[in-house]
PDB file of N, CA and C in Angstrom:
ATOM      1  N   MET A   1      26.396  -9.490   1.573  1.00  0.00           N
ATOM      2  CA  MET A   1      25.264  -8.438   1.789  1.00  0.00           C
ATOM      3  C   MET A   1      24.152  -8.622   1.620  1.00  0.00           C
ATOM      4  N   ALA A   2      22.876  -8.857   2.184  1.00  0.00           N
ATOM      5  CA  ALA A   2      21.553  -8.673   1.822  1.00  0.00           C
ATOM      6  C   ALA A   2      21.386  -7.082   1.368  1.00  0.00           C
ATOM      7  N   ALA A   3      20.216  -7.195   0.182  1.00  0.00           N
ATOM      8  CA  ALA A   3      19.690  -6.246  -0.281  1.00  0.00           C
ATOM      9  C   ALA A   3      19.123  -5.627   0.948  1.00  0.00           C
ATOM     10  N   PRO A   4      19.238  -3.629   0.868  1.00  0.00           N
ATOM     11  CA  PRO A   4      18.001  -3.426   1.852  1.00  0.00           C
ATOM     12  C   PRO A   4      16.619  -3.432   0.931  1.00  0.00           C
ATOM     13  N   ALA A   5      15.662  -3.329   2.211  1.00  0.00           N
ATOM     14  CA  ALA A   5      14.310  -3.734   2.325  1.00  0.00           C
ATOM     15  C   ALA A   5      13.770  -2.369   1.473  1.00  0.00           C
ATOM     16  N   PRO A   6      13.091  -2.317   0.674  1.00  0.00           N
ATOM     17  CA  PRO A   6      12.621  -1.106  -0.222  1.00  0.00           C
ATOM     18  C   PRO A   6      11.719  -0.224   0.826  1.00  0.00           C
ATOM     19  N   LEU A   7      11.786   0.852   0.488  1.00  0.00           N
ATOM     20  CA  LEU A   7      10.861   1.892   1.248  1.00  0.00           C
ATOM     21  C   LEU A   7       9.632   2.303   0.768  1.00  0.00           C
ATOM     22  N   ALA A   8       9.875   1.862  -0.969  1.00  0.00           N
ATOM     23  CA  ALA A   8       8.233   2.173  -1.261  1.00  0.00           C
ATOM     24  C   ALA A   8       8.124   1.221  -2.730  1.00  0.00           C
ATOM     25  N   VAL A   9       7.085   0.837  -3.285  1.00  0.00           N
ATOM     26  CA  VAL A   9       7.011  -0.388  -4.056  1.00  0.00           C
ATOM     27  C   VAL A   9       5.842   0.440  -4.746  1.00  0.00           C
ATOM     28  N   ARG A  10       6.025  -0.230  -6.323  1.00  0.00           N
ATOM     29  CA  ARG A  10       4.809   0.271  -7.143  1.00  0.00           C
ATOM     30  C   ARG A  10       3.567  -0.857  -6.912  1.00  0.00           C
ATOM     31  N   ASP A  11       2.808  -0.383  -7.310  1.00  0.00           N
ATOM     32  CA  ASP A  11       1.261  -0.900  -6.936  1.00  0.00           C
ATOM     33  C   ASP A  11       1.175  -2.413  -6.980  1.00  0.00           C
ATOM     34  N   THR A  12       2.025  -2.953  -8.134  1.00  0.00           N
ATOM     35  CA  THR A  12       1.602  -4.687  -8.379  1.00  0.00           C
ATOM     36  C   THR A  12       3.057  -5.279  -7.516  1.00  0.00           C
ATOM     37  N   THR A  13       3.788  -4.873  -6.691  1.00  0.00           N
ATOM     38  CA  THR A  13       4.532  -5.150  -5.398  1.00  0.00           C
ATOM     39  C   THR A  13       3.499  -5.098  -4.534  1.00  0.00           C
ATOM     40  N   ALA A  14       3.175  -3.888  -3.804  1.00  0.00           N
ATOM     41  CA  ALA A  14       2.094  -3.616  -2.901  1.00  0.00           C
ATOM     42  C   ALA A  14       1.149  -4.773  -2.824  1.00  0.00           C
ATOM     43  N   ALA A  15       0.365  -5.124  -4.122  1.00  0.00           N
ATOM     44  CA  ALA A  15      -0.668  -6.003  -3.699  1.00  0.00           C
ATOM     45  C   ALA A  15      -0.126  -7.198  -3.583  1.00  0.00           C
ATOM     46  N   ARG A  16       0.996  -7.508  -4.177  1.00  0.00           N
ATOM     47  CA  ARG A  16       1.833  -8.818  -3.937  1.00  0.00           C
ATOM     48  C   ARG A  16       1.907  -9.038  -2.231  1.00  0.00           C
ATOM     49  N   MET A  17       2.496  -7.880  -1.621  1.00  0.00           N
ATOM     50  CA  MET A  17       3.074  -7.513  -0.324  1.00  0.00           C
ATOM     51  C   MET A  17       1.363  -8.105   0.594  1.00  0.00           C
ATOM     52  N   LEU A  18       0.137  -7.719   0.129  1.00  0.00           N
ATOM     53  CA  LEU A  18      -0.774  -8.122   0.840  1.00  0.00           C
ATOM     54  C   LEU A  18      -1.765  -9.434   0.097  1.00  0.00           C
ATOM     55  N   ASP A  19      -0.835 -10.108  -0.835  1.00  0.00           N
ATOM     56  CA  ASP A  19      -1.272 -11.539  -1.403  1.00  0.00           C
ATOM     57  C   ASP A  19      -2.840 -10.690  -2.006  1.00  0.00           C
ATOM     58  N   MET A  20      -2.906 -10.110  -2.930  1.00  0.00           N
ATOM     59  CA  MET A  20      -4.353  -9.829  -3.590  1.00  0.00           C
ATOM     60  C   MET A  20      -3.766  -9.496  -4.998  1.00  0.00           C
ATOM     61  N   PRO A  21      -4.747  -9.605  -5.700  1.00  0.00           N
ATOM     62  CA  PRO A  21      -4.647  -9.346  -7.422  1.00  0.00           C
ATOM     63  C   PRO A  21      -4.121  -7.459  -7.357  1.00  0.00           C
ATOM     64  N   ALA A  22      -3.557  -6.991  -8.382  1.00  0.00           N
ATOM     65  CA  ALA A  22      -3.403  -5.570  -8.234  1.00  0.00           C
ATOM     66  C   ALA A  22      -4.688  -4.735  -8.721  1.00  0.00           C
ATOM     67  N   ALA A  23      -5.369  -5.112  -9.308  1.00  0.00           N
ATOM     68  CA  ALA A  23      -6.701  -4.629  -9.718  1.00  0.00           C
ATOM     69  C   ALA A  23      -7.520  -4.048  -8.318  1.00  0.00           C
ATOM     70  N   GLU A  24      -7.646  -5.604  -7.610  1.00  0.00           N
ATOM     71  CA  GLU A  24      -8.365  -5.146  -6.285  1.00  0.00           C
ATOM     72  C   GLU A  24      -7.710  -4.356  -5.466  1.00  0.00           C
ATOM     73  N   PHE A  25      -6.375  -4.372  -5.171  1.00  0.00           N
ATOM     74  CA  PHE A  25      -5.397  -3.213  -4.624  1.00  0.00           C
ATOM     75  C   PHE A  25      -5.816  -1.679  -5.058  1.00  0.00           C
ATOM     76  N   ARG A  26      -5.717  -1.519  -6.374  1.00  0.00           N
ATOM     77  CA  ARG A  26      -6.193  -0.294  -6.903  1.00  0.00           C
ATOM     78  C   ARG A  26      -7.471   0.275  -6.253  1.00  0.00           C
ATOM     79  N   ARG A  27      -8.221  -0.987  -6.492  1.00  0.00           N
ATOM     80  CA  ARG A  27      -9.627  -0.648  -6.179  1.00  0.00           C
ATOM     81  C   ARG A  27      -9.761   0.060  -4.738  1.00  0.00           C
ATOM     82  N   LEU A  28      -9.139  -0.788  -3.741  1.00  0.00           N
ATOM     83  CA  LEU A  28      -9.532  -0.451  -2.503  1.00  0.00           C
ATOM     84  C   LEU A  28      -8.505   0.685  -1.986  1.00  0.00           C
ATOM     85  N   VAL A  29      -7.388   1.181  -2.878  1.00  0.00           N
ATOM     86  CA  VAL A  29      -6.801   2.490  -2.987  1.00  0.00           C
ATOM     87  C   VAL A  29      -7.866   3.743  -3.480  1.00  0.00           C
ATOM     88  N   ASP A  30      -8.508   3.210  -4.576  1.00  0.00           N
ATOM     89  CA  ASP A  30      -9.388   4.265  -4.944  1.00  0.00           C
ATOM     90  C   ASP A  30     -10.719   4.531  -3.937  1.00  0.00           C
ATOM     91  N   ALA A  31     -11.111   3.630  -3.312  1.00  0.00           N
ATOM     92  CA  ALA A  31     -11.952   3.711  -2.445  1.00  0.00           C
ATOM     93  C   ALA A  31     -11.681   4.059  -1.088  1.00  0.00           C
ATOM     94  N   GLY A  32     -10.357   4.409  -0.780  1.00  0.00           N
ATOM     95  CA  GLY A  32      -9.910   5.194   0.398  1.00  0.00           C
ATOM     96  C   GLY A  32      -9.618   4.533   1.444  1.00  0.00           C
ATOM     97  N   ALA A  33      -9.630   3.071   1.396  1.00  0.00           N
ATOM     98  CA  ALA A  33      -9.809   1.864   2.403  1.00  0.00           C
ATOM     99  C   ALA A  33      -7.901   1.637   2.227  1.00  0.00           C
ATOM    100  N   LEU A  34      -7.150   2.027   1.298  1.00  0.00           N
ATOM    101  CA  LEU A  34      -5.522   1.839   1.556  1.00  0.00           C
ATOM    102  C   LEU A  34      -5.044   2.871   1.187  1.00  0.00           C
ATOM    103  N   PRO A  35      -4.061   3.084   1.424  1.00  0.00           N
ATOM    104  CA  PRO A  35      -3.287   4.823   1.125  1.00  0.00           C
ATOM    105  C   PRO A  35      -2.978   5.032  -0.244  1.00  0.00           C
ATOM    106  N   LYS A  36      -3.442   6.336  -0.356  1.00  0.00           N
ATOM    107  CA  LYS A  36      -2.722   7.103  -1.829  1.00  0.00           C
ATOM    108  C   LYS A  36      -1.105   6.688  -1.776  1.00  0.00           C
ATOM    109  N   PRO A  37      -0.622   6.922  -3.079  1.00  0.00           N
ATOM    110  CA  PRO A  37       0.496   6.695  -3.410  1.00  0.00           C
ATOM    111  C   PRO A  37       1.220   7.776  -3.292  1.00  0.00           C
ATOM    112  N   ARG A  38       2.656   8.091  -2.892  1.00  0.00           N
ATOM    113  CA  ARG A  38       3.548   9.024  -3.270  1.00  0.00           C
ATOM    114  C   ARG A  38       4.121   9.400  -4.749  1.00  0.00           C
ATOM    115  N   ARG A  39       4.005  10.450  -5.081  1.00  0.00           N
ATOM    116  CA  ARG A  39       4.898  10.993  -6.516  1.00  0.00           C
ATOM    117  C   ARG A  39       6.323  10.978  -5.894  1.00  0.00           C
ATOM    118  N   ILE A  40       7.102  10.177  -6.999  1.00  0.00           N
ATOM    119  CA  ILE A  40       8.587  10.300  -6.479  1.00  0.00           C
ATOM    120  C   ILE A  40       8.833  10.555  -8.179  1.00  0.00           C
ATOM    121  N   GLY A  41       9.087  12.113  -8.748  1.00  0.00           N
ATOM    122  CA  GLY A  41       9.290  11.991  -9.983  1.00  0.00           C
ATOM    123  C   GLY A  41       7.889  11.833 -10.939  1.00  0.00           C
ATOM    124  N   GLY A  42       8.003  10.937 -11.741  1.00  0.00           N
ATOM    125  CA  GLY A  42       6.727  10.575 -12.501  1.00  0.00           C
ATOM    126  C   GLY A  42       6.667   9.656 -12.121  1.00  0.00           C
ATOM    127  N   HIS A  43       6.818   9.124 -11.051  1.00  0.00           N
ATOM    128  CA  HIS A  43       6.561   7.587 -10.817  1.00  0.00           C
ATOM    129  C   HIS A  43       5.734   7.697  -9.668  1.00  0.00           C
ATOM    130  N   GLU A  44       4.514   6.602  -9.245  1.00  0.00           N
ATOM    131  CA  GLU A  44       3.941   6.470  -8.252  1.00  0.00           C
ATOM    132  C   GLU A  44       4.338   5.422  -7.351  1.00  0.00           C
ATOM    133  N   ARG A  45       4.254   6.088  -6.111  1.00  0.00           N
ATOM    134  CA  ARG A  45       4.980   4.630  -5.084  1.00  0.00           C
ATOM    135  C   ARG A  45       4.493   4.579  -3.836  1.00  0.00           C
ATOM    136  N   TRP A  46       3.982   3.315  -3.271  1.00  0.00           N
ATOM    137  CA  TRP A  46       3.273   3.448  -2.146  1.00  0.00           C
ATOM    138  C   TRP A  46       4.579   2.884  -0.777  1.00  0.00           C
ATOM    139  N   ARG A  47       4.400   3.524  -0.041  1.00  0.00           N
ATOM    140  CA  ARG A  47       5.534   3.420   1.208  1.00  0.00           C
ATOM    141  C   ARG A  47       5.178   2.099   2.068  1.00  0.00           C
ATOM    142  N   THR A  48       6.332   1.284   2.114  1.00  0.00           N
ATOM    143  CA  THR A  48       5.623   0.155   2.607  1.00  0.00           C
ATOM    144  C   THR A  48       5.627   0.205   3.910  1.00  0.00           C
ATOM    145  N   ALA A  49       6.221   1.412   4.690  1.00  0.00           N
ATOM    146  CA  ALA A  49       5.709   1.520   6.174  1.00  0.00           C
ATOM    147  C   ALA A  49       4.314   2.084   6.117  1.00  0.00           C
ATOM    148  N   ASP A  50       3.530   2.381   5.340  1.00  0.00           N
ATOM    149  CA  ASP A  50       2.244   2.988   5.218  1.00  0.00           C
ATOM    150  C   ASP A  50       1.478   1.619   5.315  1.00  0.00           C
ATOM    151  N   ILE A  51       1.925   0.749   4.286  1.00  0.00           N
ATOM    152  CA  ILE A  51       1.097  -0.541   4.294  1.00  0.00           C
ATOM    153  C   ILE A  51       1.097  -1.494   5.455  1.00  0.00           C
ATOM    154  N   GLU A  52       2.172  -1.394   6.122  1.00  0.00           N
ATOM    155  CA  GLU A  52       2.356  -2.150   7.363  1.00  0.00           C
ATOM    156  C   GLU A  52       2.054  -1.474   8.603  1.00  0.00           C
ATOM    157  N   ALA A  53       1.829  -0.358   8.824  1.00  0.00           N
ATOM    158  CA  ALA A  53       1.099   0.551   9.646  1.00  0.00           C
ATOM    159  C   ALA A  53      -0.592   0.272   9.869  1.00  0.00           C
ATOM    160  N   ILE A  54      -1.278   0.067   8.645  1.00  0.00           N
ATOM    161  CA  ILE A  54      -2.402  -0.417   8.525  1.00  0.00           C
ATOM    162  C   ILE A  54      -2.664  -1.547   9.332  1.00  0.00           C
ATOM    163  N   LEU A  55      -1.817  -2.599   8.647  1.00  0.00           N
ATOM    164  CA  LEU A  55      -2.120  -4.071   9.114  1.00  0.00           C
ATOM    165  C   LEU A  55      -1.809  -4.337  10.284  1.00  0.00           C
ATOM    166  N   SER A  56      -0.885  -3.484  10.806  1.00  0.00           N
ATOM    167  CA  SER A  56      -0.530  -3.867  12.276  1.00  0.00           C
ATOM    168  C   SER A  56      -1.420  -2.920  12.863  1.00  0.00           C
ATOM    169  N   GLY A  57      -2.261  -2.248  12.440  1.00  0.00           N
ATOM    170  CA  GLY A  57      -3.103  -1.217  13.638  1.00  0.00           C
ATOM    171  C   GLY A  57      -2.583  -0.197  14.341  1.00  0.00           C
ATOM    172  N   ASP A  58      -1.728   0.103  13.444  1.00  0.00           N
ATOM    173  CA  ASP A  58      -0.485   1.832  13.977  1.00  0.00           C
ATOM    174  C   ASP A  58      -1.046   2.403  13.412  1.00  0.00           C
ATOM    175  N   SER A  59      -1.977   2.666  12.059  1.00  0.00           N
ATOM    176  CA  SER A  59      -2.412   3.939  11.425  1.00  0.00           C
ATOM    177  C   SER A  59      -4.058   3.364  11.241  1.00  0.00           C
ATOM    178  N   ALA A  60      -4.577   4.306  11.379  1.00  0.00           N
ATOM    179  CA  ALA A  60      -6.276   4.379  11.174  1.00  0.00           C
ATOM    180  C   ALA A  60      -6.515   3.866   9.725  1.00  0.00           C
ATOM    181  N   ILE A  61      -7.577   3.475   9.286  1.00  0.00           N
ATOM    182  CA  ILE A  61      -7.919   2.978   7.967  1.00  0.00           C
ATOM    183  C   ILE A  61      -8.968   4.406   7.504  1.00  0.00           C
ATOM    184  N   PRO A  62      -8.212   4.672   6.409  1.00  0.00           N
ATOM    185  CA  PRO A  62      -9.308   6.233   6.080  1.00  0.00           C
ATOM    186  C   PRO A  62     -10.630   5.669   6.491  1.00  0.00           C
ATOM    187  N   HIS A  63     -11.491   4.948   5.973  1.00  0.00           N
ATOM    188  CA  HIS A  63     -12.465   4.633   6.128  1.00  0.00           C
ATOM    189  C   HIS A  63     -12.905   3.274   6.679  1.00  0.00           C
ATOM    190  N   GLU A  64     -13.167   3.476   8.021  1.00  0.00           N
ATOM    191  CA  GLU A  64     -13.053   1.834   8.816  1.00  0.00           C
ATOM    192  C   GLU A  64     -13.896   0.785   8.718  1.00  0.00           C
ATOM    193  N   ASP A  65     -15.054   1.307   7.655  1.00  0.00           N
ATOM    194  CA  ASP A  65     -16.065   0.476   7.210  1.00  0.00           C
ATOM    195  C   ASP A  65     -15.547  -0.559   5.835  1.00  0.00           C
ATOM    196  N   PHE A  66     -14.561  -0.505   5.706  1.00  0.00           N
ATOM    197  CA  PHE A  66     -13.844  -1.651   4.760  1.00  0.00           C
ATOM    198  C   PHE A  66     -13.489  -2.409   5.441  1.00  0.00           C
ATOM    199  N   GLU A  67     -13.571  -3.962   4.572  1.00  0.00           N
ATOM    200  CA  GLU A  67     -13.027  -5.022   5.155  1.00  0.00           C
ATOM    201  C   GLU A  67     -11.816  -4.924   4.359  1.00  0.00           C
ATOM    202  N   LEU A  68     -10.632  -5.521   5.088  1.00  0.00           N
ATOM    203  CA  LEU A  68      -9.381  -5.859   3.946  1.00  0.00           C
ATOM    204  C   LEU A  68      -8.911  -7.194   4.024  1.00  0.00           C
TER     205      LEU A  68
END
């Protein structure tokens, strides 16, 4: 049986999902071009659904003047 797909990931994994360096991912998050993380206990995690929604056009990018 295959492992379930993650619902939320850390910044390094989210950056890999977008094929970019983690520092660039964080810069885009800080600039408001990508969603902010959710806190789970003491951990920051990005919902994979949030990232996919932006890329598919199903979710508005907070500041649409950014290029992804």
